[in-house]
Amino acid sequence: MESAEFSTDTFTPDRLIAGDMQLVPRTITVLSGQSLLRGTLLGKTAVSATVGAAVADAGNTGNGTVGTVTAGAEAKNGNYRLVCVEPGTNAGVFAVFNPNGIEIGRATVGVAFTGGINFTIADGSADFISGDAFTVAVSAAVYKYLKSAAAATDGSEVPDLILADDCDASAADATGVAYATGIFDDGAVIYGTGHTADSVREGLRKLGIHLIPTAGA
């Protein structure tokens, strides 16, 4: 009777998942030019969006205008609001709110603003007063993901997801799956240049992604 032959392989456990918190997977588009491994920390960039002209509120006192508005790296679908909070003679400062109602910065009249949307407010013959406002509609924003690096300036510098499976997008954009929530071993996550577990831990926690120290470290 012939004996059975068995092959032996070294088993390497996957240490990425480190807790029993519910994992929430999300289908994403990985930007071309990358071949990424499971556990890579991802950030997103807006690659296209339709941006409407800034529309002044009917009750505005100031008659200045907003120049051409373009989408920034973190453009969100919905209505942005520009609200005058510091009026001045031939000047003024506007708070800029994203579609979630969160203030994302202050825009000074005559100075270019860059953020979720990019624009410059021009002074008019009548000065702005507190409460004067504009609405800018953004739609069809499309996001793609890449390995998050701290020095990036396209929005991907802000970590957002953790890649669930290897994804080869070296030749073209590819569909991938990433985790939006969960508990992960910080030693199994793959960080981009400039990021460490400590530098991203708090920001990710607010998103529902929890990094815990490597077992035995």
C-alpha atoms as a PDB file:
ATOM      1  CA  MET A   1       0.000   0.000   0.000  1.00  0.00           C
ATOM      2  CA  GLU A   2       1.476   3.268  -1.069  1.00  0.00           C
ATOM      3  CA  SER A   3       1.696   6.013   1.520  1.00  0.00           C
ATOM      4  CA  ALA A   4       0.069   9.353   0.763  1.00  0.00           C
ATOM      5  CA  GLU A   5       2.323  12.257  -0.032  1.00  0.00           C
ATOM      6  CA  PHE A   6       1.710  15.614   1.569  1.00  0.00           C
ATOM      7  CA  SER A   7       3.217  18.964   0.745  1.00  0.00           C
ATOM      8  CA  THR A   8       4.004  21.421   3.515  1.00  0.00           C
ATOM      9  CA  ASP A   9       3.691  25.181   3.301  1.00  0.00           C
ATOM     10  CA  THR A  10       4.375  27.788   5.895  1.00  0.00           C
ATOM     11  CA  PHE A  11       1.123  29.282   7.177  1.00  0.00           C
ATOM     12  CA  THR A  12       1.256  33.001   7.812  1.00  0.00           C
ATOM     13  CA  PRO A  13      -1.792  34.246   9.694  1.00  0.00           C
ATOM     14  CA  ASP A  14      -3.479  37.422   8.530  1.00  0.00           C
ATOM     15  CA  ARG A  15      -3.108  39.813  11.451  1.00  0.00           C
ATOM     16  CA  LEU A  16      -4.963  42.738   9.882  1.00  0.00           C
ATOM     17  CA  ILE A  17      -8.307  42.177  11.632  1.00  0.00           C
ATOM     18  CA  ALA A  18      -7.792  42.619  15.358  1.00  0.00           C
ATOM     19  CA  GLY A  19     -11.262  42.747  16.887  1.00  0.00           C
ATOM     20  CA  ASP A  20     -14.853  41.650  16.526  1.00  0.00           C
ATOM     21  CA  MET A  21     -16.285  45.063  15.630  1.00  0.00           C
ATOM     22  CA  GLN A  22     -18.479  44.824  12.537  1.00  0.00           C
ATOM     23  CA  LEU A  23     -16.513  45.297   9.335  1.00  0.00           C
ATOM     24  CA  VAL A  24     -18.183  47.553   6.793  1.00  0.00           C
ATOM     25  CA  PRO A  25     -16.807  46.872   3.293  1.00  0.00           C
ATOM     26  CA  ARG A  26     -17.127  49.384   0.486  1.00  0.00           C
ATOM     27  CA  THR A  27     -16.564  48.953  -3.239  1.00  0.00           C
ATOM     28  CA  ILE A  28     -14.147  51.589  -4.511  1.00  0.00           C
ATOM     29  CA  THR A  29     -12.204  52.586  -7.600  1.00  0.00           C
ATOM     30  CA  VAL A  30      -8.433  52.397  -7.152  1.00  0.00           C
ATOM     31  CA  LEU A  31      -6.594  54.991  -9.223  1.00  0.00           C
ATOM     32  CA  SER A  32      -4.373  53.620 -11.987  1.00  0.00           C
ATOM     33  CA  GLY A  33      -0.618  53.438 -11.562  1.00  0.00           C
ATOM     34  CA  GLN A  34      -0.641  51.465  -8.315  1.00  0.00           C
ATOM     35  CA  SER A  35      -0.434  47.856  -7.205  1.00  0.00           C
ATOM     36  CA  LEU A  36      -1.601  47.791  -3.602  1.00  0.00           C
ATOM     37  CA  LEU A  37      -1.633  45.098  -0.950  1.00  0.00           C
ATOM     38  CA  ARG A  38      -4.335  44.202   1.531  1.00  0.00           C
ATOM     39  CA  GLY A  39      -4.065  46.492   4.538  1.00  0.00           C
ATOM     40  CA  THR A  40      -2.933  49.582   2.625  1.00  0.00           C
ATOM     41  CA  LEU A  41      -4.175  52.818   4.150  1.00  0.00           C
ATOM     42  CA  LEU A  42      -6.092  54.733   1.474  1.00  0.00           C
ATOM     43  CA  GLY A  43      -7.081  58.317   0.789  1.00  0.00           C
ATOM     44  CA  LYS A  44      -9.389  59.635  -1.909  1.00  0.00           C
ATOM     45  CA  THR A  45      -9.164  62.329  -4.536  1.00  0.00           C
ATOM     46  CA  ALA A  46     -11.927  63.918  -6.588  1.00  0.00           C
ATOM     47  CA  VAL A  47     -11.201  63.329 -10.267  1.00  0.00           C
ATOM     48  CA  SER A  48     -14.241  65.070 -11.714  1.00  0.00           C
ATOM     49  CA  ALA A  49     -17.225  67.120 -10.624  1.00  0.00           C
ATOM     50  CA  THR A  50     -19.854  69.421 -12.068  1.00  0.00           C
ATOM     51  CA  VAL A  51     -19.781  72.796 -10.347  1.00  0.00           C
ATOM     52  CA  GLY A  52     -22.428  75.457 -10.824  1.00  0.00           C
ATOM     53  CA  ALA A  53     -21.915  79.212 -10.699  1.00  0.00           C
ATOM     54  CA  ALA A  54     -22.188  80.916  -7.303  1.00  0.00           C
ATOM     55  CA  VAL A  55     -25.725  82.248  -6.823  1.00  0.00           C
ATOM     56  CA  ALA A  56     -26.144  85.291  -4.579  1.00  0.00           C
ATOM     57  CA  ASP A  57     -28.920  85.268  -1.996  1.00  0.00           C
ATOM     58  CA  ALA A  58     -31.817  87.488  -2.993  1.00  0.00           C
ATOM     59  CA  GLY A  59     -31.461  89.645   0.117  1.00  0.00           C
ATOM     60  CA  ASN A  60     -27.745  90.443  -0.229  1.00  0.00           C
ATOM     61  CA  THR A  61     -26.744  94.054   0.419  1.00  0.00           C
ATOM     62  CA  GLY A  62     -23.299  93.764  -1.132  1.00  0.00           C
ATOM     63  CA  ASN A  63     -23.219  93.424  -4.886  1.00  0.00           C
ATOM     64  CA  GLY A  64     -19.835  91.770  -5.250  1.00  0.00           C
ATOM     65  CA  THR A  65     -19.593  88.559  -7.181  1.00  0.00           C
ATOM     66  CA  VAL A  66     -17.873  85.186  -7.073  1.00  0.00           C
ATOM     67  CA  GLY A  67     -15.646  84.318 -10.015  1.00  0.00           C
ATOM     68  CA  THR A  68     -15.438  80.939 -11.729  1.00  0.00           C
ATOM     69  CA  VAL A  69     -15.791  78.105  -9.207  1.00  0.00           C
ATOM     70  CA  THR A  70     -13.917  74.837  -9.672  1.00  0.00           C
ATOM     71  CA  ALA A  71     -13.934  71.578  -7.724  1.00  0.00           C
ATOM     72  CA  GLY A  72     -11.192  70.980  -5.207  1.00  0.00           C
ATOM     73  CA  ALA A  73      -9.640  67.659  -4.287  1.00  0.00           C
ATOM     74  CA  GLU A  74     -12.257  67.013  -1.598  1.00  0.00           C
ATOM     75  CA  ALA A  75     -15.356  68.301  -3.400  1.00  0.00           C
ATOM     76  CA  LYS A  76     -18.613  66.892  -2.031  1.00  0.00           C
ATOM     77  CA  ASN A  77     -21.933  66.565  -3.795  1.00  0.00           C
ATOM     78  CA  GLY A  78     -24.459  69.131  -2.620  1.00  0.00           C
ATOM     79  CA  ASN A  79     -24.703  72.856  -1.889  1.00  0.00           C
ATOM     80  CA  TYR A  80     -21.793  74.844  -0.514  1.00  0.00           C
ATOM     81  CA  ARG A  81     -22.587  78.073   1.316  1.00  0.00           C
ATOM     82  CA  LEU A  82     -20.415  81.200   1.481  1.00  0.00           C
ATOM     83  CA  VAL A  83     -21.600  83.469   4.304  1.00  0.00           C
ATOM     84  CA  CYS A  84     -20.178  86.881   5.177  1.00  0.00           C
ATOM     85  CA  VAL A  85     -19.070  86.893   8.821  1.00  0.00           C
ATOM     86  CA  GLU A  86     -16.651  89.839   8.895  1.00  0.00           C
ATOM     87  CA  PRO A  87     -17.810  92.772   6.735  1.00  0.00           C
ATOM     88  CA  GLY A  88     -15.447  95.605   5.869  1.00  0.00           C
ATOM     89  CA  THR A  89     -15.087  98.575   3.580  1.00  0.00           C
ATOM     90  CA  ASN A  90     -14.168  97.211   0.145  1.00  0.00           C
ATOM     91  CA  ALA A  91     -13.379  93.946   1.914  1.00  0.00           C
ATOM     92  CA  GLY A  92     -14.934  91.146   3.907  1.00  0.00           C
ATOM     93  CA  VAL A  93     -14.441  87.597   5.137  1.00  0.00           C
ATOM     94  CA  PHE A  94     -16.796  84.726   4.298  1.00  0.00           C
ATOM     95  CA  ALA A  95     -17.170  81.437   6.170  1.00  0.00           C
ATOM     96  CA  VAL A  96     -17.283  78.525   3.732  1.00  0.00           C
ATOM     97  CA  PHE A  97     -19.550  75.589   4.607  1.00  0.00           C
ATOM     98  CA  ASN A  98     -19.583  72.235   2.818  1.00  0.00           C
ATOM     99  CA  PRO A  99     -22.834  70.382   2.005  1.00  0.00           C
ATOM    100  CA  ASN A 100     -22.752  68.758   5.465  1.00  0.00           C
ATOM    101  CA  GLY A 101     -22.891  72.196   7.084  1.00  0.00           C
ATOM    102  CA  ILE A 102     -19.298  71.975   8.322  1.00  0.00           C
ATOM    103  CA  GLU A 103     -17.140  75.085   8.044  1.00  0.00           C
ATOM    104  CA  ILE A 104     -14.093  74.252   5.950  1.00  0.00           C
ATOM    105  CA  GLY A 105     -12.355  77.633   5.934  1.00  0.00           C
ATOM    106  CA  ARG A 106     -12.606  81.386   5.567  1.00  0.00           C
ATOM    107  CA  ALA A 107     -12.483  83.234   2.244  1.00  0.00           C
ATOM    108  CA  THR A 108     -11.244  86.825   2.128  1.00  0.00           C
ATOM    109  CA  VAL A 109     -12.624  89.128  -0.561  1.00  0.00           C
ATOM    110  CA  GLY A 110     -10.061  89.486  -3.333  1.00  0.00           C
ATOM    111  CA  VAL A 111      -8.021  86.453  -2.210  1.00  0.00           C
ATOM    112  CA  ALA A 112      -8.239  83.029  -3.869  1.00  0.00           C
ATOM    113  CA  PHE A 113      -9.807  80.328  -1.706  1.00  0.00           C
ATOM    114  CA  THR A 114      -8.862  76.673  -2.175  1.00  0.00           C
ATOM    115  CA  GLY A 115     -10.578  73.714  -0.543  1.00  0.00           C
ATOM    116  CA  GLY A 116     -13.567  71.575  -1.441  1.00  0.00           C
ATOM    117  CA  ILE A 117     -14.270  74.272  -4.023  1.00  0.00           C
ATOM    118  CA  ASN A 118     -11.948  76.946  -5.383  1.00  0.00           C
ATOM    119  CA  PHE A 119     -12.991  80.537  -6.095  1.00  0.00           C
ATOM    120  CA  THR A 120     -12.311  84.241  -5.534  1.00  0.00           C
ATOM    121  CA  ILE A 121     -14.894  86.720  -4.251  1.00  0.00           C
ATOM    122  CA  ALA A 122     -14.717  90.139  -5.942  1.00  0.00           C
ATOM    123  CA  ASP A 123     -15.738  93.358  -4.196  1.00  0.00           C
ATOM    124  CA  GLY A 124     -18.593  95.388  -5.670  1.00  0.00           C
ATOM    125  CA  SER A 125     -19.734  99.011  -5.470  1.00  0.00           C
ATOM    126  CA  ALA A 126     -21.856  98.141  -2.406  1.00  0.00           C
ATOM    127  CA  ASP A 127     -20.013  96.532   0.512  1.00  0.00           C
ATOM    128  CA  PHE A 128     -21.033  93.153   1.872  1.00  0.00           C
ATOM    129  CA  ILE A 129     -22.713  93.032   5.278  1.00  0.00           C
ATOM    130  CA  SER A 130     -22.911  90.179   7.783  1.00  0.00           C
ATOM    131  CA  GLY A 131     -25.197  87.460   6.508  1.00  0.00           C
ATOM    132  CA  ASP A 132     -24.743  88.172   2.805  1.00  0.00           C
ATOM    133  CA  ALA A 133     -24.290  84.783   1.198  1.00  0.00           C
ATOM    134  CA  PHE A 134     -23.828  82.709  -1.950  1.00  0.00           C
ATOM    135  CA  THR A 135     -24.749  79.121  -2.816  1.00  0.00           C
ATOM    136  CA  VAL A 136     -22.616  76.883  -5.021  1.00  0.00           C
ATOM    137  CA  ALA A 137     -24.018  73.532  -6.207  1.00  0.00           C
ATOM    138  CA  VAL A 138     -21.675  70.609  -6.805  1.00  0.00           C
ATOM    139  CA  SER A 139     -22.849  67.366  -8.388  1.00  0.00           C
ATOM    140  CA  ALA A 140     -21.472  64.211  -9.937  1.00  0.00           C
ATOM    141  CA  ALA A 141     -18.251  64.294  -7.944  1.00  0.00           C
ATOM    142  CA  VAL A 142     -16.278  61.112  -8.676  1.00  0.00           C
ATOM    143  CA  TYR A 143     -13.669  59.833  -6.235  1.00  0.00           C
ATOM    144  CA  LYS A 144     -10.804  57.441  -6.723  1.00  0.00           C
ATOM    145  CA  TYR A 145      -8.536  55.969  -4.070  1.00  0.00           C
ATOM    146  CA  LEU A 146      -4.805  55.726  -3.707  1.00  0.00           C
ATOM    147  CA  LYS A 147      -2.238  54.990  -1.040  1.00  0.00           C
ATOM    148  CA  SER A 148      -2.430  57.888   1.386  1.00  0.00           C
ATOM    149  CA  ALA A 149       0.768  59.933   1.758  1.00  0.00           C
ATOM    150  CA  ALA A 150       1.086  62.773   4.255  1.00  0.00           C
ATOM    151  CA  ALA A 151       2.594  65.224   1.775  1.00  0.00           C
ATOM    152  CA  ALA A 152      -0.048  64.743  -0.952  1.00  0.00           C
ATOM    153  CA  THR A 153      -2.088  67.798  -1.930  1.00  0.00           C
ATOM    154  CA  ASP A 154      -4.933  66.145  -3.862  1.00  0.00           C
ATOM    155  CA  GLY A 155      -7.059  65.164  -0.876  1.00  0.00           C
ATOM    156  CA  SER A 156      -5.559  61.690  -0.514  1.00  0.00           C
ATOM    157  CA  GLU A 157      -3.348  62.929   2.326  1.00  0.00           C
ATOM    158  CA  VAL A 158      -6.357  62.380   4.610  1.00  0.00           C
ATOM    159  CA  PRO A 159      -6.651  58.629   5.367  1.00  0.00           C
ATOM    160  CA  ASP A 160     -10.140  57.307   4.755  1.00  0.00           C
ATOM    161  CA  LEU A 161     -10.257  53.505   4.272  1.00  0.00           C
ATOM    162  CA  ILE A 162      -8.168  50.345   4.605  1.00  0.00           C
ATOM    163  CA  LEU A 163      -7.837  48.093   1.563  1.00  0.00           C
ATOM    164  CA  ALA A 164      -9.475  44.701   2.147  1.00  0.00           C
ATOM    165  CA  ASP A 165      -7.814  42.728  -0.680  1.00  0.00           C
ATOM    166  CA  ASP A 166      -4.791  43.084  -2.930  1.00  0.00           C
ATOM    167  CA  CYS A 167      -5.614  45.301  -5.915  1.00  0.00           C
ATOM    168  CA  ASP A 168      -3.558  45.654  -9.076  1.00  0.00           C
ATOM    169  CA  ALA A 169      -4.333  48.951 -10.772  1.00  0.00           C
ATOM    170  CA  SER A 170      -0.895  49.328 -12.298  1.00  0.00           C
ATOM    171  CA  ALA A 171      -2.209  49.426 -15.875  1.00  0.00           C
ATOM    172  CA  ALA A 172      -5.655  50.971 -15.389  1.00  0.00           C
ATOM    173  CA  ASP A 173      -8.184  51.953 -12.744  1.00  0.00           C
ATOM    174  CA  ALA A 174      -9.424  48.879 -10.909  1.00  0.00           C
ATOM    175  CA  THR A 175     -12.366  48.003  -8.708  1.00  0.00           C
ATOM    176  CA  GLY A 176     -11.420  47.125  -5.166  1.00  0.00           C
ATOM    177  CA  VAL A 177     -12.942  46.567  -1.744  1.00  0.00           C
ATOM    178  CA  ALA A 178     -11.960  48.519   1.351  1.00  0.00           C
ATOM    179  CA  TYR A 179     -12.991  48.595   4.986  1.00  0.00           C
ATOM    180  CA  ALA A 180     -14.813  51.687   6.234  1.00  0.00           C
ATOM    181  CA  THR A 181     -15.024  50.522   9.864  1.00  0.00           C
ATOM    182  CA  GLY A 182     -13.427  47.893  12.036  1.00  0.00           C
ATOM    183  CA  ILE A 183     -10.630  47.168  14.511  1.00  0.00           C
ATOM    184  CA  PHE A 184      -7.216  46.588  12.954  1.00  0.00           C
ATOM    185  CA  ASP A 185      -3.719  45.661  14.069  1.00  0.00           C
ATOM    186  CA  ASP A 186      -1.647  48.826  13.592  1.00  0.00           C
ATOM    187  CA  GLY A 187       1.401  46.716  12.754  1.00  0.00           C
ATOM    188  CA  ALA A 188      -0.374  45.036   9.838  1.00  0.00           C
ATOM    189  CA  VAL A 189      -1.574  48.252   8.202  1.00  0.00           C
ATOM    190  CA  ILE A 190       0.584  49.515   5.311  1.00  0.00           C
ATOM    191  CA  TYR A 191       1.244  53.245   5.668  1.00  0.00           C
ATOM    192  CA  GLY A 192       2.184  55.695   2.952  1.00  0.00           C
ATOM    193  CA  THR A 193       5.141  58.046   3.217  1.00  0.00           C
ATOM    194  CA  GLY A 194       4.854  60.395   6.184  1.00  0.00           C
ATOM    195  CA  HIS A 195       2.113  58.447   7.961  1.00  0.00           C
ATOM    196  CA  THR A 196       2.520  56.308  11.068  1.00  0.00           C
ATOM    197  CA  ALA A 197       0.043  54.509  13.281  1.00  0.00           C
ATOM    198  CA  ASP A 198       0.281  57.307  15.833  1.00  0.00           C
ATOM    199  CA  SER A 199      -0.152  60.101  13.286  1.00  0.00           C
ATOM    200  CA  VAL A 200      -3.375  58.669  11.814  1.00  0.00           C
ATOM    201  CA  ARG A 201      -4.886  56.860  14.778  1.00  0.00           C
ATOM    202  CA  GLU A 202      -7.107  59.669  16.077  1.00  0.00           C
ATOM    203  CA  GLY A 203      -8.362  60.778  12.667  1.00  0.00           C
ATOM    204  CA  LEU A 204      -9.305  57.215  11.737  1.00  0.00           C
ATOM    205  CA  ARG A 205     -11.006  56.627  15.082  1.00  0.00           C
ATOM    206  CA  LYS A 206     -13.466  59.408  14.257  1.00  0.00           C
ATOM    207  CA  LEU A 207     -14.377  57.495  11.086  1.00  0.00           C
ATOM    208  CA  GLY A 208     -14.956  54.221  12.909  1.00  0.00           C
ATOM    209  CA  ILE A 209     -11.579  52.694  12.048  1.00  0.00           C
ATOM    210  CA  HIS A 210      -9.709  51.700  15.210  1.00  0.00           C
ATOM    211  CA  LEU A 211      -6.014  50.850  15.225  1.00  0.00           C
ATOM    212  CA  ILE A 212      -4.726  48.877  18.187  1.00  0.00           C
ATOM    213  CA  PRO A 213      -1.067  48.157  19.032  1.00  0.00           C
ATOM    214  CA  THR A 214       0.563  45.119  17.505  1.00  0.00           C
ATOM    215  CA  ALA A 215       0.165  42.037  19.678  1.00  0.00           C
ATOM    216  CA  GLY A 216       3.272  41.492  21.754  1.00  0.00           C
ATOM    217  CA  ALA A 217       4.716  44.900  20.942  1.00  0.00           C
END
